[in-house]
């Protein structure tokens, strides 16, 4: 399976995982021009959550969450502002979460973890 399909499978598993934990999924793969993409936007108990999903087949180079660089965090924060402006969202708590997955290349998840307030 190529990396794009592998990542999409990871995002699907993350979305299901979040829904099982009470998140309402509002948007998947939100894009704003060339700025980039937010994998999942959801609500958790009245908090608007912008969620980065990182899927890896192993942790040889660190955990999946460690791959969310400061530059990626900054991009996600800018995209969150665009999303909120576009949909007129104000006066709601906001949080940035990461879902990290270790998944076999055949799509079987070996580890999935939600990191709330990741950055």
PDB file of N, CA and C in Angstrom:
ATOM      1  N   UNK A   1       0.861  -1.172   0.000  1.00  0.00           N
ATOM      2  CA  UNK A   1       0.000   0.000   0.000  1.00  0.00           C
ATOM      3  C   UNK A   1       0.905   1.231   0.000  1.00  0.00           C
ATOM      4  N   UNK A   2       0.586   2.205  -0.859  1.00  0.00           N
ATOM      5  CA  UNK A   2       1.422   3.406  -0.927  1.00  0.00           C
ATOM      6  C   UNK A   2       1.161   4.313   0.281  1.00  0.00           C
ATOM      7  N   UNK A   3       2.031   5.306   0.464  1.00  0.00           N
ATOM      8  CA  UNK A   3       1.955   6.165   1.655  1.00  0.00           C
ATOM      9  C   UNK A   3       0.663   6.960   1.736  1.00  0.00           C
ATOM     10  N   UNK A   4       0.144   7.407   0.598  1.00  0.00           N
ATOM     11  CA  UNK A   4      -1.099   8.188   0.609  1.00  0.00           C
ATOM     12  C   UNK A   4      -2.272   7.330   1.108  1.00  0.00           C
ATOM     13  N   UNK A   5      -2.383   6.117   0.612  1.00  0.00           N
ATOM     14  CA  UNK A   5      -3.441   5.206   1.043  1.00  0.00           C
ATOM     15  C   UNK A   5      -3.237   4.831   2.511  1.00  0.00           C
ATOM     16  N   UNK A   6      -1.981   4.589   2.889  1.00  0.00           N
ATOM     17  CA  UNK A   6      -1.644   4.255   4.269  1.00  0.00           C
ATOM     18  C   UNK A   6      -2.093   5.375   5.213  1.00  0.00           C
ATOM     19  N   UNK A   7      -1.783   6.621   4.854  1.00  0.00           N
ATOM     20  CA  UNK A   7      -2.190   7.770   5.668  1.00  0.00           C
ATOM     21  C   UNK A   7      -3.699   7.930   5.730  1.00  0.00           C
ATOM     22  N   UNK A   8      -4.376   7.713   4.610  1.00  0.00           N
ATOM     23  CA  UNK A   8      -5.845   7.822   4.578  1.00  0.00           C
ATOM     24  C   UNK A   8      -6.483   6.768   5.472  1.00  0.00           C
ATOM     25  N   UNK A   9      -5.940   5.554   5.467  1.00  0.00           N
ATOM     26  CA  UNK A   9      -6.453   4.501   6.358  1.00  0.00           C
ATOM     27  C   UNK A   9      -6.252   4.908   7.821  1.00  0.00           C
ATOM     28  N   UNK A  10      -5.098   5.495   8.109  1.00  0.00           N
ATOM     29  CA  UNK A  10      -4.833   5.966   9.470  1.00  0.00           C
ATOM     30  C   UNK A  10      -5.816   7.039   9.895  1.00  0.00           C
ATOM     31  N   UNK A  11      -6.122   7.974   8.994  1.00  0.00           N
ATOM     32  CA  UNK A  11      -7.083   9.034   9.311  1.00  0.00           C
ATOM     33  C   UNK A  11      -8.479   8.458   9.548  1.00  0.00           C
ATOM     34  N   UNK A  12      -8.856   7.454   8.776  1.00  0.00           N
ATOM     35  CA  UNK A  12     -10.159   6.810   8.973  1.00  0.00           C
ATOM     36  C   UNK A  12     -10.221   6.132  10.337  1.00  0.00           C
ATOM     37  N   UNK A  13      -9.169   5.411  10.699  1.00  0.00           N
ATOM     38  CA  UNK A  13      -9.121   4.765  12.008  1.00  0.00           C
ATOM     39  C   UNK A  13      -9.140   5.802  13.135  1.00  0.00           C
ATOM     40  N   UNK A  14      -8.424   6.901  12.952  1.00  0.00           N
ATOM     41  CA  UNK A  14      -8.401   7.963  13.962  1.00  0.00           C
ATOM     42  C   UNK A  14      -9.779   8.588  14.117  1.00  0.00           C
ATOM     43  N   UNK A  15     -10.458   8.825  13.015  1.00  0.00           N
ATOM     44  CA  UNK A  15     -11.795   9.408  13.050  1.00  0.00           C
ATOM     45  C   UNK A  15     -12.758   8.498  13.824  1.00  0.00           C
ATOM     46  N   UNK A  16     -12.700   7.201  13.543  1.00  0.00           N
ATOM     47  CA  UNK A  16     -13.550   6.246  14.266  1.00  0.00           C
ATOM     48  C   UNK A  16     -13.191   6.208  15.749  1.00  0.00           C
ATOM     49  N   UNK A  17     -11.914   6.220  16.045  1.00  0.00           N
ATOM     50  CA  UNK A  17     -11.424   6.212  17.424  1.00  0.00           C
ATOM     51  C   UNK A  17     -11.959   7.420  18.190  1.00  0.00           C
ATOM     52  N   UNK A  18     -11.886   8.598  17.571  1.00  0.00           N
ATOM     53  CA  UNK A  18     -12.379   9.818  18.214  1.00  0.00           C
ATOM     54  C   UNK A  18     -13.888   9.768  18.419  1.00  0.00           C
ATOM     55  N   UNK A  19     -14.617   9.300  17.425  1.00  0.00           N
ATOM     56  CA  UNK A  19     -16.078   9.189  17.545  1.00  0.00           C
ATOM     57  C   UNK A  19     -16.456   8.265  18.693  1.00  0.00           C
ATOM     58  N   UNK A  20     -15.738   7.157  18.833  1.00  0.00           N
ATOM     59  CA  UNK A  20     -15.995   6.211  19.930  1.00  0.00           C
ATOM     60  C   UNK A  20     -15.746   6.854  21.290  1.00  0.00           C
ATOM     61  N   UNK A  21     -14.929   7.899  21.334  1.00  0.00           N
ATOM     62  CA  UNK A  21     -14.624   8.583  22.590  1.00  0.00           C
ATOM     63  C   UNK A  21     -15.442   9.848  22.777  1.00  0.00           C
ATOM     64  N   UNK A  22     -16.491  10.003  21.990  1.00  0.00           N
ATOM     65  CA  UNK A  22     -17.425  11.099  22.200  1.00  0.00           C
ATOM     66  C   UNK A  22     -17.199  12.345  21.370  1.00  0.00           C
ATOM     67  N   UNK A  23     -16.193  12.369  20.525  1.00  0.00           N
ATOM     68  CA  UNK A  23     -15.973  13.516  19.650  1.00  0.00           C
ATOM     69  C   UNK A  23     -17.046  13.531  18.567  1.00  0.00           C
ATOM     70  N   UNK A  24     -17.459  14.728  18.195  1.00  0.00           N
ATOM     71  CA  UNK A  24     -18.291  14.917  17.013  1.00  0.00           C
ATOM     72  C   UNK A  24     -17.349  15.383  15.911  1.00  0.00           C
ATOM     73  N   UNK A  25     -17.283  14.635  14.825  1.00  0.00           N
ATOM     74  CA  UNK A  25     -16.405  14.992  13.717  1.00  0.00           C
ATOM     75  C   UNK A  25     -17.138  16.010  12.848  1.00  0.00           C
ATOM     76  N   UNK A  26     -16.543  17.194  12.695  1.00  0.00           N
ATOM     77  CA  UNK A  26     -17.153  18.278  11.922  1.00  0.00           C
ATOM     78  C   UNK A  26     -16.617  18.337  10.500  1.00  0.00           C
ATOM     79  N   UNK A  27     -15.341  18.013  10.342  1.00  0.00           N
ATOM     80  CA  UNK A  27     -14.707  18.186   9.034  1.00  0.00           C
ATOM     81  C   UNK A  27     -13.488  17.286   8.973  1.00  0.00           C
ATOM     82  N   UNK A  28     -13.259  16.703   7.809  1.00  0.00           N
ATOM     83  CA  UNK A  28     -12.029  15.944   7.574  1.00  0.00           C
ATOM     84  C   UNK A  28     -11.301  16.555   6.389  1.00  0.00           C
ATOM     85  N   UNK A  29      -9.996  16.635   6.507  1.00  0.00           N
ATOM     86  CA  UNK A  29      -9.136  17.156   5.447  1.00  0.00           C
ATOM     87  C   UNK A  29      -9.522  18.570   5.021  1.00  0.00           C
ATOM     88  N   UNK A  30      -9.619  19.468   6.000  1.00  0.00           N
ATOM     89  CA  UNK A  30      -9.904  20.880   5.719  1.00  0.00           C
ATOM     90  C   UNK A  30      -8.680  21.509   5.072  1.00  0.00           C
ATOM     91  N   UNK A  31      -8.882  22.090   3.901  1.00  0.00           N
ATOM     92  CA  UNK A  31      -7.804  22.756   3.161  1.00  0.00           C
ATOM     93  C   UNK A  31      -8.141  24.226   2.960  1.00  0.00           C
ATOM     94  N   UNK A  32      -7.094  25.036   2.972  1.00  0.00           N
ATOM     95  CA  UNK A  32      -7.251  26.462   2.679  1.00  0.00           C
ATOM     96  C   UNK A  32      -6.157  26.834   1.688  1.00  0.00           C
ATOM     97  N   UNK A  33      -6.485  26.723   0.417  1.00  0.00           N
ATOM     98  CA  UNK A  33      -5.519  27.055  -0.628  1.00  0.00           C
ATOM     99  C   UNK A  33      -4.237  26.271  -0.467  1.00  0.00           C
ATOM    100  N   UNK A  34      -3.140  26.975  -0.620  1.00  0.00           N
ATOM    101  CA  UNK A  34      -1.828  26.330  -0.522  1.00  0.00           C
ATOM    102  C   UNK A  34      -1.286  26.308   0.896  1.00  0.00           C
ATOM    103  N   UNK A  35      -2.044  26.823   1.839  1.00  0.00           N
ATOM    104  CA  UNK A  35      -1.579  26.892   3.216  1.00  0.00           C
ATOM    105  C   UNK A  35      -1.357  25.503   3.808  1.00  0.00           C
ATOM    106  N   UNK A  36      -2.219  24.571   3.464  1.00  0.00           N
ATOM    107  CA  UNK A  36      -2.069  23.222   3.992  1.00  0.00           C
ATOM    108  C   UNK A  36      -3.395  22.604   4.353  1.00  0.00           C
ATOM    109  N   UNK A  37      -3.332  21.646   5.260  1.00  0.00           N
ATOM    110  CA  UNK A  37      -4.503  20.837   5.593  1.00  0.00           C
ATOM    111  C   UNK A  37      -4.524  20.502   7.079  1.00  0.00           C
ATOM    112  N   UNK A  38      -5.727  20.484   7.627  1.00  0.00           N
ATOM    113  CA  UNK A  38      -5.954  19.944   8.964  1.00  0.00           C
ATOM    114  C   UNK A  38      -6.659  18.617   8.757  1.00  0.00           C
ATOM    115  N   UNK A  39      -6.139  17.561   9.370  1.00  0.00           N
ATOM    116  CA  UNK A  39      -6.683  16.227   9.144  1.00  0.00           C
ATOM    117  C   UNK A  39      -8.121  16.090   9.625  1.00  0.00           C
ATOM    118  N   UNK A  40      -8.381  16.469  10.877  1.00  0.00           N
ATOM    119  CA  UNK A  40      -9.718  16.313  11.452  1.00  0.00           C
ATOM    120  C   UNK A  40     -10.041  17.543  12.298  1.00  0.00           C
ATOM    121  N   UNK A  41     -11.263  18.028  12.163  1.00  0.00           N
ATOM    122  CA  UNK A  41     -11.778  19.079  13.045  1.00  0.00           C
ATOM    123  C   UNK A  41     -12.995  18.473  13.734  1.00  0.00           C
ATOM    124  N   UNK A  42     -13.009  18.579  15.052  1.00  0.00           N
ATOM    125  CA  UNK A  42     -14.113  17.980  15.804  1.00  0.00           C
ATOM    126  C   UNK A  42     -14.446  18.783  17.033  1.00  0.00           C
ATOM    127  N   UNK A  43     -15.481  18.335  17.714  1.00  0.00           N
ATOM    128  CA  UNK A  43     -15.872  18.936  18.993  1.00  0.00           C
ATOM    129  C   UNK A  43     -15.816  17.877  20.071  1.00  0.00           C
ATOM    130  N   UNK A  44     -15.275  18.276  21.209  1.00  0.00           N
ATOM    131  CA  UNK A  44     -15.186  17.404  22.373  1.00  0.00           C
ATOM    132  C   UNK A  44     -15.692  18.183  23.573  1.00  0.00           C
ATOM    133  N   UNK A  45     -16.891  17.857  24.019  1.00  0.00           N
ATOM    134  CA  UNK A  45     -17.472  18.499  25.203  1.00  0.00           C
ATOM    135  C   UNK A  45     -17.413  20.021  25.122  1.00  0.00           C
ATOM    136  N   UNK A  46     -17.834  20.592  24.015  1.00  0.00           N
ATOM    137  CA  UNK A  46     -17.890  22.041  23.873  1.00  0.00           C
ATOM    138  C   UNK A  46     -16.598  22.709  23.465  1.00  0.00           C
ATOM    139  N   UNK A  47     -15.549  21.937  23.243  1.00  0.00           N
ATOM    140  CA  UNK A  47     -14.266  22.479  22.804  1.00  0.00           C
ATOM    141  C   UNK A  47     -14.066  22.131  21.331  1.00  0.00           C
ATOM    142  N   UNK A  48     -13.676  23.119  20.542  1.00  0.00           N
ATOM    143  CA  UNK A  48     -13.366  22.904  19.138  1.00  0.00           C
ATOM    144  C   UNK A  48     -11.941  22.361  19.053  1.00  0.00           C
ATOM    145  N   UNK A  49     -11.784  21.212  18.421  1.00  0.00           N
ATOM    146  CA  UNK A  49     -10.491  20.527  18.389  1.00  0.00           C
ATOM    147  C   UNK A  49      -9.974  20.414  16.964  1.00  0.00           C
ATOM    148  N   UNK A  50      -8.740  20.801  16.784  1.00  0.00           N
ATOM    149  CA  UNK A  50      -8.039  20.661  15.515  1.00  0.00           C
ATOM    150  C   UNK A  50      -7.037  19.534  15.719  1.00  0.00           C
ATOM    151  N   UNK A  51      -7.191  18.479  14.933  1.00  0.00           N
ATOM    152  CA  UNK A  51      -6.504  17.224  15.223  1.00  0.00           C
ATOM    153  C   UNK A  51      -5.594  16.816  14.067  1.00  0.00           C
ATOM    154  N   UNK A  52      -4.337  16.640  14.388  1.00  0.00           N
ATOM    155  CA  UNK A  52      -3.361  16.121  13.434  1.00  0.00           C
ATOM    156  C   UNK A  52      -3.238  14.616  13.656  1.00  0.00           C
ATOM    157  N   UNK A  53      -3.305  13.862  12.578  1.00  0.00           N
ATOM    158  CA  UNK A  53      -3.164  12.410  12.649  1.00  0.00           C
ATOM    159  C   UNK A  53      -1.800  12.042  12.076  1.00  0.00           C
ATOM    160  N   UNK A  54      -1.038  11.287  12.829  1.00  0.00           N
ATOM    161  CA  UNK A  54       0.263  10.814  12.368  1.00  0.00           C
ATOM    162  C   UNK A  54       0.266   9.291  12.420  1.00  0.00           C
ATOM    163  N   UNK A  55       0.456   8.691  11.264  1.00  0.00           N
ATOM    164  CA  UNK A  55       0.462   7.240  11.141  1.00  0.00           C
ATOM    165  C   UNK A  55       1.833   6.789  10.682  1.00  0.00           C
ATOM    166  N   UNK A  56       2.375   5.821  11.374  1.00  0.00           N
ATOM    167  CA  UNK A  56       3.673   5.263  11.020  1.00  0.00           C
ATOM    168  C   UNK A  56       3.575   3.732  11.108  1.00  0.00           C
ATOM    169  N   UNK A  57       4.468   3.064  10.398  1.00  0.00           N
ATOM    170  CA  UNK A  57       4.506   1.604  10.468  1.00  0.00           C
ATOM    171  C   UNK A  57       5.431   1.118  11.574  1.00  0.00           C
ATOM    172  N   UNK A  58       6.294   2.001  12.080  1.00  0.00           N
ATOM    173  CA  UNK A  58       7.163   1.663  13.208  1.00  0.00           C
ATOM    174  C   UNK A  58       7.606   2.959  13.890  1.00  0.00           C
ATOM    175  N   UNK A  59       8.273   2.791  15.020  1.00  0.00           N
ATOM    176  CA  UNK A  59       8.735   3.971  15.747  1.00  0.00           C
ATOM    177  C   UNK A  59      10.260   4.077  15.730  1.00  0.00           C
ATOM    178  N   UNK A  60      10.851   3.573  14.672  1.00  0.00           N
ATOM    179  CA  UNK A  60      12.302   3.570  14.511  1.00  0.00           C
ATOM    180  C   UNK A  60      12.894   4.978  14.639  1.00  0.00           C
ATOM    181  N   UNK A  61      12.171   5.990  14.154  1.00  0.00           N
ATOM    182  CA  UNK A  61      12.668   7.369  14.184  1.00  0.00           C
ATOM    183  C   UNK A  61      11.912   8.221  15.201  1.00  0.00           C
ATOM    184  N   UNK A  62      11.361   7.594  16.218  1.00  0.00           N
ATOM    185  CA  UNK A  62      10.598   8.301  17.241  1.00  0.00           C
ATOM    186  C   UNK A  62       9.116   8.004  17.107  1.00  0.00           C
ATOM    187  N   UNK A  63       8.351   8.526  18.031  1.00  0.00           N
ATOM    188  CA  UNK A  63       6.908   8.299  17.996  1.00  0.00           C
ATOM    189  C   UNK A  63       6.290   9.098  16.855  1.00  0.00           C
ATOM    190  N   UNK A  64       5.130   8.678  16.386  1.00  0.00           N
ATOM    191  CA  UNK A  64       4.461   9.461  15.340  1.00  0.00           C
ATOM    192  C   UNK A  64       4.245  10.919  15.756  1.00  0.00           C
ATOM    193  N   UNK A  65       3.867  11.144  17.012  1.00  0.00           N
ATOM    194  CA  UNK A  65       3.605  12.515  17.477  1.00  0.00           C
ATOM    195  C   UNK A  65       4.852  13.387  17.405  1.00  0.00           C
ATOM    196  N   UNK A  66       6.023  12.795  17.567  1.00  0.00           N
ATOM    197  CA  UNK A  66       7.262  13.571  17.500  1.00  0.00           C
ATOM    198  C   UNK A  66       7.510  14.112  16.093  1.00  0.00           C
ATOM    199  N   UNK A  67       6.801  13.588  15.108  1.00  0.00           N
ATOM    200  CA  UNK A  67       6.956  14.056  13.726  1.00  0.00           C
ATOM    201  C   UNK A  67       6.159  15.330  13.438  1.00  0.00           C
ATOM    202  N   UNK A  68       5.399  15.809  14.424  1.00  0.00           N
ATOM    203  CA  UNK A  68       4.643  17.051  14.236  1.00  0.00           C
ATOM    204  C   UNK A  68       5.566  18.201  14.637  1.00  0.00           C
ATOM    205  N   UNK A  69       6.225  18.745  13.643  1.00  0.00           N
ATOM    206  CA  UNK A  69       7.239  19.775  13.863  1.00  0.00           C
ATOM    207  C   UNK A  69       6.621  21.101  14.304  1.00  0.00           C
ATOM    208  N   UNK A  70       7.469  21.991  14.777  1.00  0.00           N
ATOM    209  CA  UNK A  70       7.016  23.338  15.146  1.00  0.00           C
ATOM    210  C   UNK A  70       6.414  24.042  13.933  1.00  0.00           C
ATOM    211  N   UNK A  71       6.987  23.825  12.764  1.00  0.00           N
ATOM    212  CA  UNK A  71       6.447  24.433  11.544  1.00  0.00           C
ATOM    213  C   UNK A  71       5.050  23.892  11.240  1.00  0.00           C
ATOM    214  N   UNK A  72       4.851  22.584  11.398  1.00  0.00           N
ATOM    215  CA  UNK A  72       3.532  21.991  11.160  1.00  0.00           C
ATOM    216  C   UNK A  72       2.526  22.520  12.188  1.00  0.00           C
ATOM    217  N   UNK A  73       2.944  22.661  13.431  1.00  0.00           N
ATOM    218  CA  UNK A  73       2.069  23.202  14.470  1.00  0.00           C
ATOM    219  C   UNK A  73       1.631  24.620  14.110  1.00  0.00           C
ATOM    220  N   UNK A  74       2.550  25.427  13.631  1.00  0.00           N
ATOM    221  CA  UNK A  74       2.247  26.794  13.235  1.00  0.00           C
ATOM    222  C   UNK A  74       1.256  26.808  12.063  1.00  0.00           C
ATOM    223  N   UNK A  75       1.461  25.928  11.102  1.00  0.00           N
ATOM    224  CA  UNK A  75       0.544  25.832   9.961  1.00  0.00           C
ATOM    225  C   UNK A  75      -0.856  25.450  10.420  1.00  0.00           C
ATOM    226  N   UNK A  76      -0.950  24.481  11.316  1.00  0.00           N
ATOM    227  CA  UNK A  76      -2.255  24.050  11.822  1.00  0.00           C
ATOM    228  C   UNK A  76      -2.940  25.202  12.555  1.00  0.00           C
ATOM    229  N   UNK A  77      -2.197  25.964  13.342  1.00  0.00           N
ATOM    230  CA  UNK A  77      -2.771  27.110  14.055  1.00  0.00           C
ATOM    231  C   UNK A  77      -3.312  28.155  13.076  1.00  0.00           C
ATOM    232  N   UNK A  78      -2.562  28.425  11.996  1.00  0.00           N
ATOM    233  CA  UNK A  78      -3.051  29.375  10.980  1.00  0.00           C
ATOM    234  C   UNK A  78      -4.297  28.841  10.280  1.00  0.00           C
ATOM    235  N   UNK A  79      -4.285  27.568   9.966  1.00  0.00           N
ATOM    236  CA  UNK A  79      -5.461  26.959   9.330  1.00  0.00           C
ATOM    237  C   UNK A  79      -6.674  26.996  10.254  1.00  0.00           C
ATOM    238  N   UNK A  80      -6.443  26.816  11.540  1.00  0.00           N
ATOM    239  CA  UNK A  80      -7.539  26.896  12.512  1.00  0.00           C
ATOM    240  C   UNK A  80      -8.173  28.285  12.487  1.00  0.00           C
ATOM    241  N   UNK A  81      -7.346  29.321  12.393  1.00  0.00           N
ATOM    242  CA  UNK A  81      -7.862  30.687  12.302  1.00  0.00           C
ATOM    243  C   UNK A  81      -8.694  30.867  11.034  1.00  0.00           C
ATOM    244  N   UNK A  82      -8.200  30.339   9.922  1.00  0.00           N
ATOM    245  CA  UNK A  82      -8.939  30.435   8.655  1.00  0.00           C
ATOM    246  C   UNK A  82     -10.285  29.735   8.782  1.00  0.00           C
ATOM    247  N   UNK A  83     -10.280  28.543   9.348  1.00  0.00           N
ATOM    248  CA  UNK A  83     -11.520  27.775   9.524  1.00  0.00           C
ATOM    249  C   UNK A  83     -12.524  28.564  10.359  1.00  0.00           C
ATOM    250  N   UNK A  84     -12.067  29.101  11.476  1.00  0.00           N
ATOM    251  CA  UNK A  84     -12.963  29.827  12.383  1.00  0.00           C
ATOM    252  C   UNK A  84     -13.498  31.098  11.724  1.00  0.00           C
ATOM    253  N   UNK A  85     -12.666  31.812  10.978  1.00  0.00           N
ATOM    254  CA  UNK A  85     -13.135  33.006  10.259  1.00  0.00           C
ATOM    255  C   UNK A  85     -14.144  32.624   9.187  1.00  0.00           C
ATOM    256  N   UNK A  86     -13.826  31.601   8.429  1.00  0.00           N
ATOM    257  CA  UNK A  86     -14.691  31.177   7.327  1.00  0.00           C
ATOM    258  C   UNK A  86     -16.084  30.802   7.816  1.00  0.00           C
ATOM    259  N   UNK A  87     -16.168  30.154   8.977  1.00  0.00           N
ATOM    260  CA  UNK A  87     -17.456  29.688   9.490  1.00  0.00           C
ATOM    261  C   UNK A  87     -17.999  30.549  10.625  1.00  0.00           C
ATOM    262  N   UNK A  88     -17.397  31.719  10.860  1.00  0.00           N
ATOM    263  CA  UNK A  88     -17.902  32.666  11.846  1.00  0.00           C
ATOM    264  C   UNK A  88     -17.908  32.123  13.263  1.00  0.00           C
ATOM    265  N   UNK A  89     -16.924  31.344  13.602  1.00  0.00           N
ATOM    266  CA  UNK A  89     -16.851  30.734  14.936  1.00  0.00           C
ATOM    267  C   UNK A  89     -16.083  31.656  15.873  1.00  0.00           C
ATOM    268  N   UNK A  90     -16.729  31.999  16.990  1.00  0.00           N
ATOM    269  CA  UNK A  90     -16.122  32.870  17.994  1.00  0.00           C
ATOM    270  C   UNK A  90     -16.465  32.341  19.381  1.00  0.00           C
ATOM    271  N   UNK A  91     -15.734  32.812  20.355  1.00  0.00           N
ATOM    272  CA  UNK A  91     -16.052  32.557  21.761  1.00  0.00           C
ATOM    273  C   UNK A  91     -16.281  31.087  22.079  1.00  0.00           C
ATOM    274  N   UNK A  92     -15.378  30.240  21.627  1.00  0.00           N
ATOM    275  CA  UNK A  92     -15.433  28.819  21.954  1.00  0.00           C
ATOM    276  C   UNK A  92     -14.008  28.376  22.294  1.00  0.00           C
ATOM    277  N   UNK A  93     -13.870  27.556  23.302  1.00  0.00           N
ATOM    278  CA  UNK A  93     -12.526  27.057  23.615  1.00  0.00           C
ATOM    279  C   UNK A  93     -11.979  26.234  22.442  1.00  0.00           C
ATOM    280  N   UNK A  94     -10.679  26.345  22.229  1.00  0.00           N
ATOM    281  CA  UNK A  94     -10.005  25.658  21.128  1.00  0.00           C
ATOM    282  C   UNK A  94      -8.862  24.827  21.702  1.00  0.00           C
ATOM    283  N   UNK A  95      -8.661  23.673  21.081  1.00  0.00           N
ATOM    284  CA  UNK A  95      -7.578  22.788  21.518  1.00  0.00           C
ATOM    285  C   UNK A  95      -6.942  22.127  20.292  1.00  0.00           C
ATOM    286  N   UNK A  96      -5.651  21.826  20.408  1.00  0.00           N
ATOM    287  CA  UNK A  96      -4.921  21.150  19.346  1.00  0.00           C
ATOM    288  C   UNK A  96      -4.493  19.774  19.857  1.00  0.00           C
ATOM    289  N   UNK A  97      -4.997  18.736  19.209  1.00  0.00           N
ATOM    290  CA  UNK A  97      -4.728  17.361  19.614  1.00  0.00           C
ATOM    291  C   UNK A  97      -3.948  16.642  18.517  1.00  0.00           C
ATOM    292  N   UNK A  98      -3.326  15.544  18.907  1.00  0.00           N
ATOM    293  CA  UNK A  98      -2.670  14.646  17.960  1.00  0.00           C
ATOM    294  C   UNK A  98      -3.188  13.241  18.222  1.00  0.00           C
ATOM    295  N   UNK A  99      -3.487  12.522  17.149  1.00  0.00           N
ATOM    296  CA  UNK A  99      -3.746  11.092  17.246  1.00  0.00           C
ATOM    297  C   UNK A  99      -2.570  10.421  16.566  1.00  0.00           C
ATOM    298  N   UNK A 100      -1.881   9.564  17.328  1.00  0.00           N
ATOM    299  CA  UNK A 100      -0.766   8.834  16.736  1.00  0.00           C
ATOM    300  C   UNK A 100      -1.127   7.367  16.610  1.00  0.00           C
ATOM    301  N   UNK A 101      -0.754   6.820  15.461  1.00  0.00           N
ATOM    302  CA  UNK A 101      -1.036   5.413  15.176  1.00  0.00           C
ATOM    303  C   UNK A 101       0.224   4.706  14.735  1.00  0.00           C
ATOM    304  N   UNK A 102       0.401   3.509  15.235  1.00  0.00           N
ATOM    305  CA  UNK A 102       1.358   2.574  14.672  1.00  0.00           C
ATOM    306  C   UNK A 102       0.504   1.509  14.004  1.00  0.00           C
ATOM    307  N   UNK A 103       0.714   1.323  12.709  1.00  0.00           N
ATOM    308  CA  UNK A 103      -0.168   0.471  11.935  1.00  0.00           C
ATOM    309  C   UNK A 103       0.670  -0.374  10.982  1.00  0.00           C
ATOM    310  N   UNK A 104       0.297  -1.649  10.870  1.00  0.00           N
ATOM    311  CA  UNK A 104       0.948  -2.517   9.899  1.00  0.00           C
ATOM    312  C   UNK A 104       0.603  -2.036   8.500  1.00  0.00           C
ATOM    313  N   UNK A 105       1.436  -2.374   7.533  1.00  0.00           N
ATOM    314  CA  UNK A 105       1.206  -1.944   6.152  1.00  0.00           C
ATOM    315  C   UNK A 105      -0.074  -2.543   5.572  1.00  0.00           C
ATOM    316  N   UNK A 106      -0.611  -3.582   6.210  1.00  0.00           N
ATOM    317  CA  UNK A 106      -1.883  -4.158   5.746  1.00  0.00           C
ATOM    318  C   UNK A 106      -3.089  -3.449   6.359  1.00  0.00           C
ATOM    319  N   UNK A 107      -2.843  -2.425   7.191  1.00  0.00           N
ATOM    320  CA  UNK A 107      -3.932  -1.622   7.747  1.00  0.00           C
ATOM    321  C   UNK A 107      -4.366  -1.997   9.152  1.00  0.00           C
ATOM    322  N   UNK A 108      -3.687  -2.947   9.788  1.00  0.00           N
ATOM    323  CA  UNK A 108      -4.050  -3.342  11.147  1.00  0.00           C
ATOM    324  C   UNK A 108      -3.333  -2.435  12.149  1.00  0.00           C
ATOM    325  N   UNK A 109      -4.130  -1.721  12.956  1.00  0.00           N
ATOM    326  CA  UNK A 109      -3.558  -0.805  13.954  1.00  0.00           C
ATOM    327  C   UNK A 109      -3.004  -1.609  15.123  1.00  0.00           C
ATOM    328  N   UNK A 110      -1.758  -1.309  15.503  1.00  0.00           N
ATOM    329  CA  UNK A 110      -1.130  -1.949  16.661  1.00  0.00           C
ATOM    330  C   UNK A 110      -1.163  -1.045  17.882  1.00  0.00           C
ATOM    331  N   UNK A 111      -1.225   0.256  17.634  1.00  0.00           N
ATOM    332  CA  UNK A 111      -1.209   1.236  18.733  1.00  0.00           C
ATOM    333  C   UNK A 111      -1.919   2.486  18.238  1.00  0.00           C
ATOM    334  N   UNK A 112      -2.810   3.003  19.063  1.00  0.00           N
ATOM    335  CA  UNK A 112      -3.451   4.280  18.754  1.00  0.00           C
ATOM    336  C   UNK A 112      -3.577   5.053  20.060  1.00  0.00           C
ATOM    337  N   UNK A 113      -3.204   6.309  20.012  1.00  0.00           N
ATOM    338  CA  UNK A 113      -3.237   7.126  21.228  1.00  0.00           C
ATOM    339  C   UNK A 113      -3.661   8.549  20.879  1.00  0.00           C
ATOM    340  N   UNK A 114      -4.512   9.090  21.726  1.00  0.00           N
ATOM    341  CA  UNK A 114      -4.954  10.478  21.608  1.00  0.00           C
ATOM    342  C   UNK A 114      -4.138  11.313  22.588  1.00  0.00           C
ATOM    343  N   UNK A 115      -3.530  12.366  22.077  1.00  0.00           N
ATOM    344  CA  UNK A 115      -2.781  13.293  22.922  1.00  0.00           C
ATOM    345  C   UNK A 115      -3.524  14.619  22.882  1.00  0.00           C
ATOM    346  N   UNK A 116      -4.247  14.915  23.956  1.00  0.00           N
ATOM    347  CA  UNK A 116      -4.998  16.173  24.052  1.00  0.00           C
ATOM    348  C   UNK A 116      -4.039  17.300  24.414  1.00  0.00           C
ATOM    349  N   UNK A 117      -4.368  18.519  23.929  1.00  0.00           N
ATOM    350  CA  UNK A 117      -3.515  19.691  24.206  1.00  0.00           C
ATOM    351  C   UNK A 117      -2.070  19.415  23.840  1.00  0.00           C
ATOM    352  N   UNK A 118      -1.857  18.813  22.685  1.00  0.00           N
ATOM    353  CA  UNK A 118      -0.515  18.399  22.274  1.00  0.00           C
ATOM    354  C   UNK A 118       0.413  19.599  22.028  1.00  0.00           C
ATOM    355  N   UNK A 119      -0.192  20.722  21.617  1.00  0.00           N
ATOM    356  CA  UNK A 119       0.613  21.930  21.384  1.00  0.00           C
ATOM    357  C   UNK A 119      -0.287  23.143  21.468  1.00  0.00           C
TER     358      UNK A 119
END
